[in-house]
Amino acid sequence: MRADGADGEDPYAEDWGHDDDPDRPAPPYWFAGQHLPPDARRMGLTHDVPDGAILDFAGRLDSAKLGHRVTAWALLVVFGLPVVLAVLRVLYAW
């Protein structure tokens, strides 16, 4: 098995497990799809679909960096505010 993908396999496939060839190099950590949770991978999400891309992006955030914390709060507002407004609309109509 060649690490450069000449044997027809993708050298940067995302399904690295304990039984993979140890001589085959792992993809670099900065490649897309490296920060998806195992549950998302089992569901079939990859960085190529919108939900998987958001999970991959959020998985790359580092809480030690101020810009990443601001981004996390912005994501929380962007995805949470429509839910809060929908609940308020239901409560107001009730």
PDB file of N, CA and C in Angstrom:
ATOM      1  N   MET A   1       0.855  -1.179   0.000  1.00  0.00           N
ATOM      2  CA  MET A   1       0.000   0.000   0.000  1.00  0.00           C
ATOM      3  C   MET A   1       0.891   1.228   0.000  1.00  0.00           C
ATOM      4  N   ARG A   2       0.675   2.110  -0.947  1.00  0.00           N
ATOM      5  CA  ARG A   2       1.493   3.311  -1.052  1.00  0.00           C
ATOM      6  C   ARG A   2       0.790   4.489  -0.397  1.00  0.00           C
ATOM      7  N   ALA A   3       1.567   5.329   0.256  1.00  0.00           N
ATOM      8  CA  ALA A   3       0.989   6.457   0.984  1.00  0.00           C
ATOM      9  C   ALA A   3       0.616   7.611   0.061  1.00  0.00           C
ATOM     10  N   ASP A   4       1.075   7.594  -1.180  1.00  0.00           N
ATOM     11  CA  ASP A   4       0.783   8.719  -2.067  1.00  0.00           C
ATOM     12  C   ASP A   4      -0.520   8.548  -2.830  1.00  0.00           C
ATOM     13  N   GLY A   5      -1.256   7.469  -2.602  1.00  0.00           N
ATOM     14  CA  GLY A   5      -2.542   7.259  -3.229  1.00  0.00           C
ATOM     15  C   GLY A   5      -2.449   6.653  -4.611  1.00  0.00           C
ATOM     16  N   ALA A   6      -1.259   6.203  -5.026  1.00  0.00           N
ATOM     17  CA  ALA A   6      -1.099   5.653  -6.365  1.00  0.00           C
ATOM     18  C   ALA A   6      -1.779   4.296  -6.521  1.00  0.00           C
ATOM     19  N   ASP A   7      -2.108   3.658  -5.413  1.00  0.00           N
ATOM     20  CA  ASP A   7      -2.767   2.358  -5.484  1.00  0.00           C
ATOM     21  C   ASP A   7      -4.287   2.488  -5.621  1.00  0.00           C
ATOM     22  N   GLY A   8      -4.791   3.696  -5.809  1.00  0.00           N
ATOM     23  CA  GLY A   8      -6.215   3.896  -6.015  1.00  0.00           C
ATOM     24  C   GLY A   8      -6.971   4.309  -4.770  1.00  0.00           C
ATOM     25  N   GLU A   9      -6.336   4.271  -3.617  1.00  0.00           N
ATOM     26  CA  GLU A   9      -7.009   4.664  -2.377  1.00  0.00           C
ATOM     27  C   GLU A   9      -6.723   6.125  -2.074  1.00  0.00           C
ATOM     28  N   ASP A  10      -7.655   6.740  -1.382  1.00  0.00           N
ATOM     29  CA  ASP A  10      -7.469   8.122  -0.966  1.00  0.00           C
ATOM     30  C   ASP A  10      -6.486   8.139   0.203  1.00  0.00           C
ATOM     31  N   PRO A  11      -5.334   8.796   0.069  1.00  0.00           N
ATOM     32  CA  PRO A  11      -4.363   8.779   1.159  1.00  0.00           C
ATOM     33  C   PRO A  11      -4.818   9.583   2.372  1.00  0.00           C
ATOM     34  N   TYR A  12      -5.845  10.401   2.202  1.00  0.00           N
ATOM     35  CA  TYR A  12      -6.315  11.220   3.312  1.00  0.00           C
ATOM     36  C   TYR A  12      -7.752  10.874   3.683  1.00  0.00           C
ATOM     37  N   ALA A  13      -8.073   9.602   3.627  1.00  0.00           N
ATOM     38  CA  ALA A  13      -9.410   9.159   4.017  1.00  0.00           C
ATOM     39  C   ALA A  13      -9.604   9.428   5.502  1.00  0.00           C
ATOM     40  N   GLU A  14     -10.840   9.679   5.897  1.00  0.00           N
ATOM     41  CA  GLU A  14     -11.127  10.086   7.270  1.00  0.00           C
ATOM     42  C   GLU A  14     -11.347   8.928   8.234  1.00  0.00           C
ATOM     43  N   ASP A  15     -11.398   7.716   7.751  1.00  0.00           N
ATOM     44  CA  ASP A  15     -11.726   6.598   8.625  1.00  0.00           C
ATOM     45  C   ASP A  15     -10.465   5.919   9.150  1.00  0.00           C
ATOM     46  N   TRP A  16      -9.755   6.620  10.006  1.00  0.00           N
ATOM     47  CA  TRP A  16      -8.549   6.052  10.603  1.00  0.00           C
ATOM     48  C   TRP A  16      -8.942   5.329  11.879  1.00  0.00           C
ATOM     49  N   GLY A  17      -8.553   4.086  11.981  1.00  0.00           N
ATOM     50  CA  GLY A  17      -8.884   3.288  13.151  1.00  0.00           C
ATOM     51  C   GLY A  17      -7.651   2.607  13.709  1.00  0.00           C
ATOM     52  N   HIS A  18      -7.860   1.790  14.718  1.00  0.00           N
ATOM     53  CA  HIS A  18      -6.750   1.116  15.368  1.00  0.00           C
ATOM     54  C   HIS A  18      -6.142   0.021  14.501  1.00  0.00           C
ATOM     55  N   ASP A  19      -6.866  -0.440  13.512  1.00  0.00           N
ATOM     56  CA  ASP A  19      -6.371  -1.528  12.681  1.00  0.00           C
ATOM     57  C   ASP A  19      -5.763  -1.044  11.366  1.00  0.00           C
ATOM     58  N   ASP A  20      -5.552   0.257  11.212  1.00  0.00           N
ATOM     59  CA  ASP A  20      -4.960   0.783   9.986  1.00  0.00           C
ATOM     60  C   ASP A  20      -3.469   0.483   9.944  1.00  0.00           C
ATOM     61  N   ASP A  21      -2.930   0.527   8.757  1.00  0.00           N
ATOM     62  CA  ASP A  21      -1.522   0.257   8.535  1.00  0.00           C
ATOM     63  C   ASP A  21      -0.679   1.320   9.244  1.00  0.00           C
ATOM     64  N   PRO A  22       0.193   0.935  10.169  1.00  0.00           N
ATOM     65  CA  PRO A  22       0.984   1.937  10.898  1.00  0.00           C
ATOM     66  C   PRO A  22       2.024   2.628  10.019  1.00  0.00           C
ATOM     67  N   ASP A  23       2.372   2.034   8.880  1.00  0.00           N
ATOM     68  CA  ASP A  23       3.345   2.664   7.995  1.00  0.00           C
ATOM     69  C   ASP A  23       2.726   3.751   7.130  1.00  0.00           C
ATOM     70  N   ARG A  24       1.422   3.761   7.056  1.00  0.00           N
ATOM     71  CA  ARG A  24       0.717   4.761   6.261  1.00  0.00           C
ATOM     72  C   ARG A  24       0.584   6.039   7.089  1.00  0.00           C
ATOM     73  N   PRO A  25       1.033   7.164   6.575  1.00  0.00           N
ATOM     74  CA  PRO A  25       0.999   8.390   7.389  1.00  0.00           C
ATOM     75  C   PRO A  25      -0.426   8.882   7.606  1.00  0.00           C
ATOM     76  N   ALA A  26      -0.667   9.438   8.792  1.00  0.00           N
ATOM     77  CA  ALA A  26      -1.969  10.023   9.100  1.00  0.00           C
ATOM     78  C   ALA A  26      -2.077  11.371   8.394  1.00  0.00           C
ATOM     79  N   PRO A  27      -3.296  11.779   8.050  1.00  0.00           N
ATOM     80  CA  PRO A  27      -3.449  13.093   7.431  1.00  0.00           C
ATOM     81  C   PRO A  27      -3.111  14.189   8.436  1.00  0.00           C
ATOM     82  N   PRO A  28      -2.616  15.321   7.979  1.00  0.00           N
ATOM     83  CA  PRO A  28      -2.296  16.426   8.889  1.00  0.00           C
ATOM     84  C   PRO A  28      -3.535  16.903   9.635  1.00  0.00           C
ATOM     85  N   TYR A  29      -3.336  17.400  10.825  1.00  0.00           N
ATOM     86  CA  TYR A  29      -4.467  17.794  11.669  1.00  0.00           C
ATOM     87  C   TYR A  29      -5.229  18.977  11.091  1.00  0.00           C
ATOM     88  N   TRP A  30      -4.615  19.762  10.230  1.00  0.00           N
ATOM     89  CA  TRP A  30      -5.304  20.934   9.684  1.00  0.00           C
ATOM     90  C   TRP A  30      -6.189  20.593   8.495  1.00  0.00           C
ATOM     91  N   PHE A  31      -6.176  19.365   8.024  1.00  0.00           N
ATOM     92  CA  PHE A  31      -7.063  18.972   6.932  1.00  0.00           C
ATOM     93  C   PHE A  31      -8.502  18.974   7.421  1.00  0.00           C
ATOM     94  N   ALA A  32      -9.402  19.319   6.529  1.00  0.00           N
ATOM     95  CA  ALA A  32     -10.817  19.358   6.883  1.00  0.00           C
ATOM     96  C   ALA A  32     -11.307  17.981   7.278  1.00  0.00           C
ATOM     97  N   GLY A  33     -12.223  17.933   8.243  1.00  0.00           N
ATOM     98  CA  GLY A  33     -12.819  16.680   8.660  1.00  0.00           C
ATOM     99  C   GLY A  33     -12.095  15.989   9.787  1.00  0.00           C
ATOM    100  N   GLN A  34     -11.038  16.568  10.310  1.00  0.00           N
ATOM    101  CA  GLN A  34     -10.258  15.915  11.360  1.00  0.00           C
ATOM    102  C   GLN A  34     -10.821  16.162  12.758  1.00  0.00           C
ATOM    103  N   HIS A  35     -11.779  17.049  12.898  1.00  0.00           N
ATOM    104  CA  HIS A  35     -12.299  17.396  14.221  1.00  0.00           C
ATOM    105  C   HIS A  35     -13.768  17.025  14.387  1.00  0.00           C
ATOM    106  N   LEU A  36     -14.246  16.123  13.579  1.00  0.00           N
ATOM    107  CA  LEU A  36     -15.626  15.667  13.731  1.00  0.00           C
ATOM    108  C   LEU A  36     -15.717  14.677  14.886  1.00  0.00           C
ATOM    109  N   PRO A  37     -16.759  14.776  15.709  1.00  0.00           N
ATOM    110  CA  PRO A  37     -16.937  13.801  16.787  1.00  0.00           C
ATOM    111  C   PRO A  37     -17.182  12.403  16.216  1.00  0.00           C
ATOM    112  N   PRO A  38     -16.810  11.372  16.964  1.00  0.00           N
ATOM    113  CA  PRO A  38     -17.026  10.004  16.481  1.00  0.00           C
ATOM    114  C   PRO A  38     -18.494   9.696  16.190  1.00  0.00           C
ATOM    115  N   ASP A  39     -19.410  10.255  16.971  1.00  0.00           N
ATOM    116  CA  ASP A  39     -20.836  10.019  16.725  1.00  0.00           C
ATOM    117  C   ASP A  39     -21.260  10.581  15.369  1.00  0.00           C
ATOM    118  N   ALA A  40     -20.738  11.731  15.021  1.00  0.00           N
ATOM    119  CA  ALA A  40     -21.076  12.334  13.728  1.00  0.00           C
ATOM    120  C   ALA A  40     -20.520  11.497  12.584  1.00  0.00           C
ATOM    121  N   ARG A  41     -19.338  10.945  12.770  1.00  0.00           N
ATOM    122  CA  ARG A  41     -18.762  10.083  11.734  1.00  0.00           C
ATOM    123  C   ARG A  41     -19.592   8.819  11.556  1.00  0.00           C
ATOM    124  N   ARG A  42     -20.063   8.252  12.671  1.00  0.00           N
ATOM    125  CA  ARG A  42     -20.887   7.037  12.573  1.00  0.00           C
ATOM    126  C   ARG A  42     -22.205   7.322  11.865  1.00  0.00           C
ATOM    127  N   MET A  43     -22.720   8.547  12.007  1.00  0.00           N
ATOM    128  CA  MET A  43     -23.961   8.916  11.324  1.00  0.00           C
ATOM    129  C   MET A  43     -23.728   9.195   9.846  1.00  0.00           C
ATOM    130  N   GLY A  44     -22.467   9.246   9.436  1.00  0.00           N
ATOM    131  CA  GLY A  44     -22.161   9.466   8.039  1.00  0.00           C
ATOM    132  C   GLY A  44     -21.871  10.908   7.685  1.00  0.00           C
ATOM    133  N   LEU A  45     -21.745  11.783   8.684  1.00  0.00           N
ATOM    134  CA  LEU A  45     -21.438  13.179   8.389  1.00  0.00           C
ATOM    135  C   LEU A  45     -19.961  13.321   8.029  1.00  0.00           C
ATOM    136  N   THR A  46     -19.697  14.146   7.054  1.00  0.00           N
ATOM    137  CA  THR A  46     -18.330  14.499   6.697  1.00  0.00           C
ATOM    138  C   THR A  46     -18.251  16.016   6.600  1.00  0.00           C
ATOM    139  N   HIS A  47     -17.068  16.525   6.356  1.00  0.00           N
ATOM    140  CA  HIS A  47     -16.911  17.972   6.230  1.00  0.00           C
ATOM    141  C   HIS A  47     -17.476  18.487   4.918  1.00  0.00           C
ATOM    142  N   ASP A  48     -17.934  17.591   4.053  1.00  0.00           N
ATOM    143  CA  ASP A  48     -18.485  17.990   2.758  1.00  0.00           C
ATOM    144  C   ASP A  48     -19.963  18.368   2.818  1.00  0.00           C
ATOM    145  N   VAL A  49     -20.668  17.974   3.872  1.00  0.00           N
ATOM    146  CA  VAL A  49     -22.084  18.320   4.005  1.00  0.00           C
ATOM    147  C   VAL A  49     -22.204  19.485   4.995  1.00  0.00           C
ATOM    148  N   PRO A  50     -23.234  20.318   4.876  1.00  0.00           N
ATOM    149  CA  PRO A  50     -23.323  21.517   5.723  1.00  0.00           C
ATOM    150  C   PRO A  50     -23.285  21.225   7.225  1.00  0.00           C
ATOM    151  N   ASP A  51     -24.042  20.243   7.680  1.00  0.00           N
ATOM    152  CA  ASP A  51     -24.046  19.962   9.118  1.00  0.00           C
ATOM    153  C   ASP A  51     -22.684  19.478   9.594  1.00  0.00           C
ATOM    154  N   GLY A  52     -22.053  18.648   8.810  1.00  0.00           N
ATOM    155  CA  GLY A  52     -20.723  18.161   9.170  1.00  0.00           C
ATOM    156  C   GLY A  52     -19.686  19.265   9.133  1.00  0.00           C
ATOM    157  N   ALA A  53     -19.820  20.189   8.198  1.00  0.00           N
ATOM    158  CA  ALA A  53     -18.879  21.305   8.109  1.00  0.00           C
ATOM    159  C   ALA A  53     -18.989  22.206   9.339  1.00  0.00           C
ATOM    160  N   ILE A  54     -20.205  22.430   9.808  1.00  0.00           N
ATOM    161  CA  ILE A  54     -20.388  23.252  11.009  1.00  0.00           C
ATOM    162  C   ILE A  54     -19.796  22.546  12.222  1.00  0.00           C
ATOM    163  N   LEU A  55     -20.031  21.237  12.337  1.00  0.00           N
ATOM    164  CA  LEU A  55     -19.446  20.490  13.449  1.00  0.00           C
ATOM    165  C   LEU A  55     -17.925  20.491  13.377  1.00  0.00           C
ATOM    166  N   ASP A  56     -17.386  20.335  12.193  1.00  0.00           N
ATOM    167  CA  ASP A  56     -15.936  20.348  12.027  1.00  0.00           C
ATOM    168  C   ASP A  56     -15.381  21.720  12.402  1.00  0.00           C
ATOM    169  N   PHE A  57     -16.042  22.782  11.958  1.00  0.00           N
ATOM    170  CA  PHE A  57     -15.600  24.136  12.294  1.00  0.00           C
ATOM    171  C   PHE A  57     -15.656  24.368  13.800  1.00  0.00           C
ATOM    172  N   ALA A  58     -16.753  23.983  14.437  1.00  0.00           N
ATOM    173  CA  ALA A  58     -16.891  24.180  15.878  1.00  0.00           C
ATOM    174  C   ALA A  58     -15.889  23.327  16.645  1.00  0.00           C
ATOM    175  N   GLY A  59     -15.551  22.157  16.118  1.00  0.00           N
ATOM    176  CA  GLY A  59     -14.569  21.307  16.778  1.00  0.00           C
ATOM    177  C   GLY A  59     -13.166  21.863  16.736  1.00  0.00           C
ATOM    178  N   ARG A  60     -12.904  22.756  15.808  1.00  0.00           N
ATOM    179  CA  ARG A  60     -11.581  23.367  15.704  1.00  0.00           C
ATOM    180  C   ARG A  60     -11.402  24.555  16.657  1.00  0.00           C
ATOM    181  N   LEU A  61     -12.475  25.046  17.239  1.00  0.00           N
ATOM    182  CA  LEU A  61     -12.370  26.211  18.118  1.00  0.00           C
ATOM    183  C   LEU A  61     -11.600  25.853  19.379  1.00  0.00           C
ATOM    184  N   ASP A  62     -10.753  26.761  19.810  1.00  0.00           N
ATOM    185  CA  ASP A  62      -9.916  26.574  21.001  1.00  0.00           C
ATOM    186  C   ASP A  62     -10.348  27.583  22.060  1.00  0.00           C
ATOM    187  N   SER A  63     -10.796  27.096  23.205  1.00  0.00           N
ATOM    188  CA  SER A  63     -11.327  27.993  24.237  1.00  0.00           C
ATOM    189  C   SER A  63     -10.251  28.873  24.861  1.00  0.00           C
ATOM    190  N   ALA A  64      -8.996  28.595  24.631  1.00  0.00           N
ATOM    191  CA  ALA A  64      -7.929  29.430  25.177  1.00  0.00           C
ATOM    192  C   ALA A  64      -7.731  30.710  24.372  1.00  0.00           C
ATOM    193  N   LYS A  65      -8.308  30.786  23.190  1.00  0.00           N
ATOM    194  CA  LYS A  65      -8.140  31.964  22.330  1.00  0.00           C
ATOM    195  C   LYS A  65      -9.399  32.816  22.378  1.00  0.00           C
ATOM    196  N   LEU A  66      -9.202  34.113  22.586  1.00  0.00           N
ATOM    197  CA  LEU A  66     -10.327  35.037  22.721  1.00  0.00           C
ATOM    198  C   LEU A  66     -11.176  35.073  21.452  1.00  0.00           C
ATOM    199  N   GLY A  67     -10.561  35.119  20.308  1.00  0.00           N
ATOM    200  CA  GLY A  67     -11.313  35.158  19.053  1.00  0.00           C
ATOM    201  C   GLY A  67     -12.175  33.920  18.855  1.00  0.00           C
ATOM    202  N   HIS A  68     -11.695  32.791  19.312  1.00  0.00           N
ATOM    203  CA  HIS A  68     -12.463  31.555  19.186  1.00  0.00           C
ATOM    204  C   HIS A  68     -13.653  31.564  20.147  1.00  0.00           C
ATOM    205  N   ARG A  69     -13.454  32.131  21.339  1.00  0.00           N
ATOM    206  CA  ARG A  69     -14.588  32.226  22.280  1.00  0.00           C
ATOM    207  C   ARG A  69     -15.665  33.165  21.737  1.00  0.00           C
ATOM    208  N   VAL A  70     -15.245  34.277  21.142  1.00  0.00           N
ATOM    209  CA  VAL A  70     -16.205  35.216  20.538  1.00  0.00           C
ATOM    210  C   VAL A  70     -16.957  34.529  19.407  1.00  0.00           C
ATOM    211  N   THR A  71     -16.241  33.770  18.603  1.00  0.00           N
ATOM    212  CA  THR A  71     -16.880  33.037  17.503  1.00  0.00           C
ATOM    213  C   THR A  71     -17.884  32.020  18.036  1.00  0.00           C
ATOM    214  N   ALA A  72     -17.530  31.333  19.111  1.00  0.00           N
ATOM    215  CA  ALA A  72     -18.444  30.346  19.696  1.00  0.00           C
ATOM    216  C   ALA A  72     -19.722  31.023  20.200  1.00  0.00           C
ATOM    217  N   TRP A  73     -19.581  32.182  20.843  1.00  0.00           N
ATOM    218  CA  TRP A  73     -20.770  32.900  21.307  1.00  0.00           C
ATOM    219  C   TRP A  73     -21.608  33.401  20.133  1.00  0.00           C
ATOM    220  N   ALA A  74     -20.943  33.839  19.080  1.00  0.00           N
ATOM    221  CA  ALA A  74     -21.676  34.293  17.892  1.00  0.00           C
ATOM    222  C   ALA A  74     -22.450  33.132  17.270  1.00  0.00           C
ATOM    223  N   LEU A  75     -21.826  31.962  17.200  1.00  0.00           N
ATOM    224  CA  LEU A  75     -22.525  30.780  16.679  1.00  0.00           C
ATOM    225  C   LEU A  75     -23.719  30.426  17.555  1.00  0.00           C
ATOM    226  N   LEU A  76     -23.537  30.539  18.870  1.00  0.00           N
ATOM    227  CA  LEU A  76     -24.638  30.251  19.791  1.00  0.00           C
ATOM    228  C   LEU A  76     -25.807  31.201  19.561  1.00  0.00           C
ATOM    229  N   VAL A  77     -25.521  32.480  19.356  1.00  0.00           N
ATOM    230  CA  VAL A  77     -26.578  33.455  19.095  1.00  0.00           C
ATOM    231  C   VAL A  77     -27.245  33.177  17.753  1.00  0.00           C
ATOM    232  N   VAL A  78     -26.432  32.915  16.730  1.00  0.00           N
ATOM    233  CA  VAL A  78     -26.980  32.701  15.385  1.00  0.00           C
ATOM    234  C   VAL A  78     -27.901  31.493  15.346  1.00  0.00           C
ATOM    235  N   PHE A  79     -27.518  30.415  16.020  1.00  0.00           N
ATOM    236  CA  PHE A  79     -28.339  29.205  15.982  1.00  0.00           C
ATOM    237  C   PHE A  79     -29.388  29.160  17.090  1.00  0.00           C
ATOM    238  N   GLY A  80     -29.201  29.897  18.168  1.00  0.00           N
ATOM    239  CA  GLY A  80     -30.144  29.855  19.272  1.00  0.00           C
ATOM    240  C   GLY A  80     -31.230  30.898  19.218  1.00  0.00           C
ATOM    241  N   LEU A  81     -30.927  32.048  18.645  1.00  0.00           N
ATOM    242  CA  LEU A  81     -31.905  33.130  18.602  1.00  0.00           C
ATOM    243  C   LEU A  81     -33.178  32.768  17.837  1.00  0.00           C
ATOM    244  N   PRO A  82     -33.126  32.114  16.693  1.00  0.00           N
ATOM    245  CA  PRO A  82     -34.379  31.729  16.033  1.00  0.00           C
ATOM    246  C   PRO A  82     -35.246  30.799  16.884  1.00  0.00           C
ATOM    247  N   VAL A  83     -34.615  29.937  17.656  1.00  0.00           N
ATOM    248  CA  VAL A  83     -35.381  29.033  18.528  1.00  0.00           C
ATOM    249  C   VAL A  83     -36.064  29.834  19.628  1.00  0.00           C
ATOM    250  N   VAL A  84     -35.322  30.747  20.236  1.00  0.00           N
ATOM    251  CA  VAL A  84     -35.904  31.575  21.305  1.00  0.00           C
ATOM    252  C   VAL A  84     -37.050  32.420  20.750  1.00  0.00           C
ATOM    253  N   LEU A  85     -36.878  33.004  19.585  1.00  0.00           N
ATOM    254  CA  LEU A  85     -37.947  33.822  18.998  1.00  0.00           C
ATOM    255  C   LEU A  85     -39.171  32.975  18.638  1.00  0.00           C
ATOM    256  N   ALA A  86     -38.964  31.755  18.167  1.00  0.00           N
ATOM    257  CA  ALA A  86     -40.095  30.872  17.850  1.00  0.00           C
ATOM    258  C   ALA A  86     -40.857  30.495  19.122  1.00  0.00           C
ATOM    259  N   VAL A  87     -40.145  30.232  20.196  1.00  0.00           N
ATOM    260  CA  VAL A  87     -40.808  29.904  21.465  1.00  0.00           C
ATOM    261  C   VAL A  87     -41.581  31.109  21.970  1.00  0.00           C
ATOM    262  N   LEU A  88     -40.991  32.294  21.876  1.00  0.00           N
ATOM    263  CA  LEU A  88     -41.705  33.501  22.306  1.00  0.00           C
ATOM    264  C   LEU A  88     -42.955  33.744  21.460  1.00  0.00           C
ATOM    265  N   ARG A  89     -42.880  33.468  20.157  1.00  0.00           N
ATOM    266  CA  ARG A  89     -44.043  33.633  19.287  1.00  0.00           C
ATOM    267  C   ARG A  89     -45.161  32.666  19.695  1.00  0.00           C
ATOM    268  N   VAL A  90     -44.797  31.438  20.041  1.00  0.00           N
ATOM    269  CA  VAL A  90     -45.795  30.455  20.472  1.00  0.00           C
ATOM    270  C   VAL A  90     -46.423  30.879  21.802  1.00  0.00           C
ATOM    271  N   LEU A  91     -45.581  31.335  22.731  1.00  0.00           N
ATOM    272  CA  LEU A  91     -46.089  31.771  24.035  1.00  0.00           C
ATOM    273  C   LEU A  91     -46.962  33.008  23.886  1.00  0.00           C
ATOM    274  N   TYR A  92     -46.625  33.905  23.004  1.00  0.00           N
ATOM    275  CA  TYR A  92     -47.411  35.111  22.804  1.00  0.00           C
ATOM    276  C   TYR A  92     -48.776  34.778  22.183  1.00  0.00           C
ATOM    277  N   ALA A  93     -48.815  33.806  21.282  1.00  0.00           N
ATOM    278  CA  ALA A  93     -50.068  33.423  20.651  1.00  0.00           C
ATOM    279  C   ALA A  93     -50.947  32.601  21.589  1.00  0.00           C
ATOM    280  N   TRP A  94     -50.397  32.066  22.613  1.00  0.00           N
ATOM    281  CA  TRP A  94     -51.120  31.214  23.539  1.00  0.00           C
ATOM    282  C   TRP A  94     -51.936  32.063  24.425  1.00  0.00           C
TER     283      TRP A  94
END
